[in-house]
C-alpha atoms as a PDB file:
ATOM      1  CA  MET A   1      33.510 105.505 108.867  1.00  0.00           C
ATOM      2  CA  SER A   2      34.078 102.249 107.030  1.00  0.00           C
ATOM      3  CA  GLN A   3      33.011  98.904 108.421  1.00  0.00           C
ATOM      4  CA  PRO A   4      35.745  96.282 108.787  1.00  0.00           C
ATOM      5  CA  SER A   5      33.560  93.756 106.954  1.00  0.00           C
ATOM      6  CA  ALA A   6      33.325  95.937 103.835  1.00  0.00           C
ATOM      7  CA  VAL A   7      35.076  94.379 100.862  1.00  0.00           C
ATOM      8  CA  PRO A   8      37.563  96.791  99.252  1.00  0.00           C
ATOM      9  CA  VAL A   9      37.199  97.239  95.494  1.00  0.00           C
ATOM     10  CA  VAL A  10      40.057  98.273  93.193  1.00  0.00           C
ATOM     11  CA  GLU A  11      39.319  99.931  89.861  1.00  0.00           C
ATOM     12  CA  ARG A  12      41.465 101.466  87.147  1.00  0.00           C
ATOM     13  CA  VAL A  13      40.443 105.050  86.393  1.00  0.00           C
ATOM     14  CA  ASP A  14      42.116 105.739  83.045  1.00  0.00           C
ATOM     15  CA  ALA A  15      40.835 109.324  82.825  1.00  0.00           C
ATOM     16  CA  ARG A  16      42.783 110.149  86.011  1.00  0.00           C
ATOM     17  CA  ASN A  17      45.794 107.844  85.358  1.00  0.00           C
ATOM     18  CA  ARG A  18      45.372 105.884  88.538  1.00  0.00           C
ATOM     19  CA  TYR A  19      43.954 102.882  90.300  1.00  0.00           C
ATOM     20  CA  GLU A  20      41.642 103.597  93.206  1.00  0.00           C
ATOM     21  CA  ILE A  21      40.652 101.411  96.115  1.00  0.00           C
ATOM     22  CA  ARG A  22      37.179 101.991  97.534  1.00  0.00           C
ATOM     23  CA  VAL A  23      35.652 100.849 100.800  1.00  0.00           C
ATOM     24  CA  ASP A  24      31.880 101.258 101.196  1.00  0.00           C
ATOM     25  CA  GLY A  25      31.900 103.403  98.061  1.00  0.00           C
ATOM     26  CA  LYS A  26      34.446 105.857  99.498  1.00  0.00           C
ATOM     27  CA  ARG A  27      37.837 106.282  97.886  1.00  0.00           C
ATOM     28  CA  ALA A  28      40.325 105.001 100.464  1.00  0.00           C
ATOM     29  CA  GLY A  29      43.461 105.418  98.382  1.00  0.00           C
ATOM     30  CA  LEU A  30      45.119 105.445  95.004  1.00  0.00           C
ATOM     31  CA  THR A  31      48.226 104.535  93.081  1.00  0.00           C
ATOM     32  CA  ALA A  32      48.985 106.932  90.238  1.00  0.00           C
ATOM     33  CA  TYR A  33      50.691 106.082  86.956  1.00  0.00           C
ATOM     34  CA  ARG A  34      51.546 107.381  83.544  1.00  0.00           C
ATOM     35  CA  ASP A  35      51.880 105.153  80.480  1.00  0.00           C
ATOM     36  CA  HIS A  36      55.147 105.456  78.569  1.00  0.00           C
ATOM     37  CA  GLY A  37      54.825 103.239  75.510  1.00  0.00           C
ATOM     38  CA  ALA A  38      54.622  99.658  76.769  1.00  0.00           C
ATOM     39  CA  GLN A  39      55.520 100.743  80.304  1.00  0.00           C
ATOM     40  CA  ARG A  40      53.197 101.735  83.132  1.00  0.00           C
ATOM     41  CA  VAL A  41      55.233 104.084  85.326  1.00  0.00           C
ATOM     42  CA  PHE A  42      53.924 104.140  88.904  1.00  0.00           C
ATOM     43  CA  HIS A  43      54.895 107.391  90.618  1.00  0.00           C
ATOM     44  CA  HIS A  44      52.721 107.812  93.722  1.00  0.00           C
ATOM     45  CA  THR A  45      50.664 105.713  96.140  1.00  0.00           C
ATOM     46  CA  GLU A  46      48.594 106.961  99.074  1.00  0.00           C
ATOM     47  CA  ILE A  47      45.984 105.673 101.509  1.00  0.00           C
ATOM     48  CA  ASP A  48      43.722 108.096 103.364  1.00  0.00           C
ATOM     49  CA  ASP A  49      44.542 108.284 107.081  1.00  0.00           C
ATOM     50  CA  ALA A  50      41.032 107.098 107.957  1.00  0.00           C
ATOM     51  CA  PHE A  51      41.817 103.767 106.245  1.00  0.00           C
ATOM     52  CA  ALA A  52      45.416 103.291 107.415  1.00  0.00           C
ATOM     53  CA  GLY A  53      46.557 100.000 108.878  1.00  0.00           C
ATOM     54  CA  GLN A  54      44.056  97.821 107.012  1.00  0.00           C
ATOM     55  CA  GLY A  55      46.433  96.447 104.365  1.00  0.00           C
ATOM     56  CA  LEU A  56      44.714  98.470 101.645  1.00  0.00           C
ATOM     57  CA  ALA A  57      47.903  99.777 100.027  1.00  0.00           C
ATOM     58  CA  SER A  58      49.198  96.254  99.527  1.00  0.00           C
ATOM     59  CA  ARG A  59      45.885  95.068  98.088  1.00  0.00           C
ATOM     60  CA  LEU A  60      45.685  98.127  95.823  1.00  0.00           C
ATOM     61  CA  VAL A  61      49.176  97.645  94.411  1.00  0.00           C
ATOM     62  CA  GLN A  62      48.738  93.864  94.063  1.00  0.00           C
ATOM     63  CA  GLU A  63      45.585  94.321  91.982  1.00  0.00           C
ATOM     64  CA  ALA A  64      47.092  97.177  89.955  1.00  0.00           C
ATOM     65  CA  LEU A  65      50.154  95.103  89.067  1.00  0.00           C
ATOM     66  CA  THR A  66      47.961  92.133  88.191  1.00  0.00           C
ATOM     67  CA  ASP A  67      46.050  94.423  85.824  1.00  0.00           C
ATOM     68  CA  VAL A  68      49.348  95.569  84.270  1.00  0.00           C
ATOM     69  CA  ARG A  69      50.287  91.930  83.667  1.00  0.00           C
ATOM     70  CA  GLU A  70      46.918  91.247  82.018  1.00  0.00           C
ATOM     71  CA  SER A  71      47.281  94.320  79.792  1.00  0.00           C
ATOM     72  CA  GLY A  72      50.689  93.182  78.518  1.00  0.00           C
ATOM     73  CA  LYS A  73      52.517  96.240  79.834  1.00  0.00           C
ATOM     74  CA  ARG A  74      55.709  96.505  81.882  1.00  0.00           C
ATOM     75  CA  ILE A  75      56.112  98.052  85.353  1.00  0.00           C
ATOM     76  CA  VAL A  76      58.464 100.910  86.226  1.00  0.00           C
ATOM     77  CA  PRO A  77      58.368 101.454  90.014  1.00  0.00           C
ATOM     78  CA  VAL A  78      59.254 105.126  90.591  1.00  0.00           C
ATOM     79  CA  CYS A  79      56.917 105.163  93.613  1.00  0.00           C
ATOM     80  CA  PRO A  80      58.835 103.985  96.700  1.00  0.00           C
ATOM     81  CA  TYR A  81      55.872 101.949  97.953  1.00  0.00           C
ATOM     82  CA  VAL A  82      55.499 100.088  94.651  1.00  0.00           C
ATOM     83  CA  ALA A  83      59.268  99.466  94.547  1.00  0.00           C
ATOM     84  CA  LYS A  84      59.197  98.048  98.099  1.00  0.00           C
ATOM     85  CA  PHE A  85      56.154  95.906  97.280  1.00  0.00           C
ATOM     86  CA  LEU A  86      57.977  94.454  94.271  1.00  0.00           C
ATOM     87  CA  GLN A  87      60.977  93.508  96.433  1.00  0.00           C
ATOM     88  CA  ARG A  88      58.651  91.329  98.520  1.00  0.00           C
ATOM     89  CA  HIS A  89      56.649  89.876  95.603  1.00  0.00           C
ATOM     90  CA  ASP A  90      58.794  87.946  93.130  1.00  0.00           C
ATOM     91  CA  GLU A  91      55.752  86.951  91.101  1.00  0.00           C
ATOM     92  CA  PHE A  92      55.970  90.308  89.304  1.00  0.00           C
ATOM     93  CA  ALA A  93      59.768  90.304  88.754  1.00  0.00           C
ATOM     94  CA  ASP A  94      59.403  89.345  85.078  1.00  0.00           C
ATOM     95  CA  LEU A  95      57.453  92.575  84.411  1.00  0.00           C
ATOM     96  CA  VAL A  96      59.751  95.112  86.070  1.00  0.00           C
ATOM     97  CA  ASP A  97      61.871  97.580  84.107  1.00  0.00           C
ATOM     98  CA  PRO A  98      64.476  99.682  85.894  1.00  0.00           C
ATOM     99  CA  VAL A  99      63.920 103.301  86.838  1.00  0.00           C
ATOM    100  CA  THR A 100      66.311 105.168  84.540  1.00  0.00           C
ATOM    101  CA  PRO A 101      67.271 108.854  84.277  1.00  0.00           C
ATOM    102  CA  ASP A 102      65.433 108.972  80.923  1.00  0.00           C
ATOM    103  CA  VAL A 103      62.211 107.682  82.514  1.00  0.00           C
ATOM    104  CA  LEU A 104      62.550 110.155  85.394  1.00  0.00           C
ATOM    105  CA  ARG A 105      63.030 113.090  82.980  1.00  0.00           C
ATOM    106  CA  TRP A 106      60.045 111.952  80.915  1.00  0.00           C
ATOM    107  CA  LEU A 107      57.902 111.585  84.054  1.00  0.00           C
ATOM    108  CA  GLU A 108      58.883 115.020  85.324  1.00  0.00           C
ATOM    109  CA  THR A 109      57.735 116.510  82.011  1.00  0.00           C
ATOM    110  CA  GLU A 110      54.481 114.516  82.124  1.00  0.00           C
ATOM    111  CA  LEU A 111      53.655 115.704  85.640  1.00  0.00           C
ATOM    112  CA  ALA A 112      54.594 119.363  85.074  1.00  0.00           C
END
């Protein structure tokens, strides 16, 4: 069980195409992506039930999107959580590309 005072750490795990958030060394959640040229397409976010209600998903996505900004890429929010987060956080609006049928077809092929 994690301690409330533990500081969550977010790291990009390129080999697994995702960002992970860890609490006390345990993976508490992830947001998964695939890179499509200059776009980072986010397609899934999850937080383990044991860590629910601690604001970890928001912190995870915030740090992931900040990393995307620093890398010079664009954001495509296929994941409903990432899309909702972006609606509430205008500071990333300049990085967002629309979810298009072409991107969805490409992503489906990538994930198959």
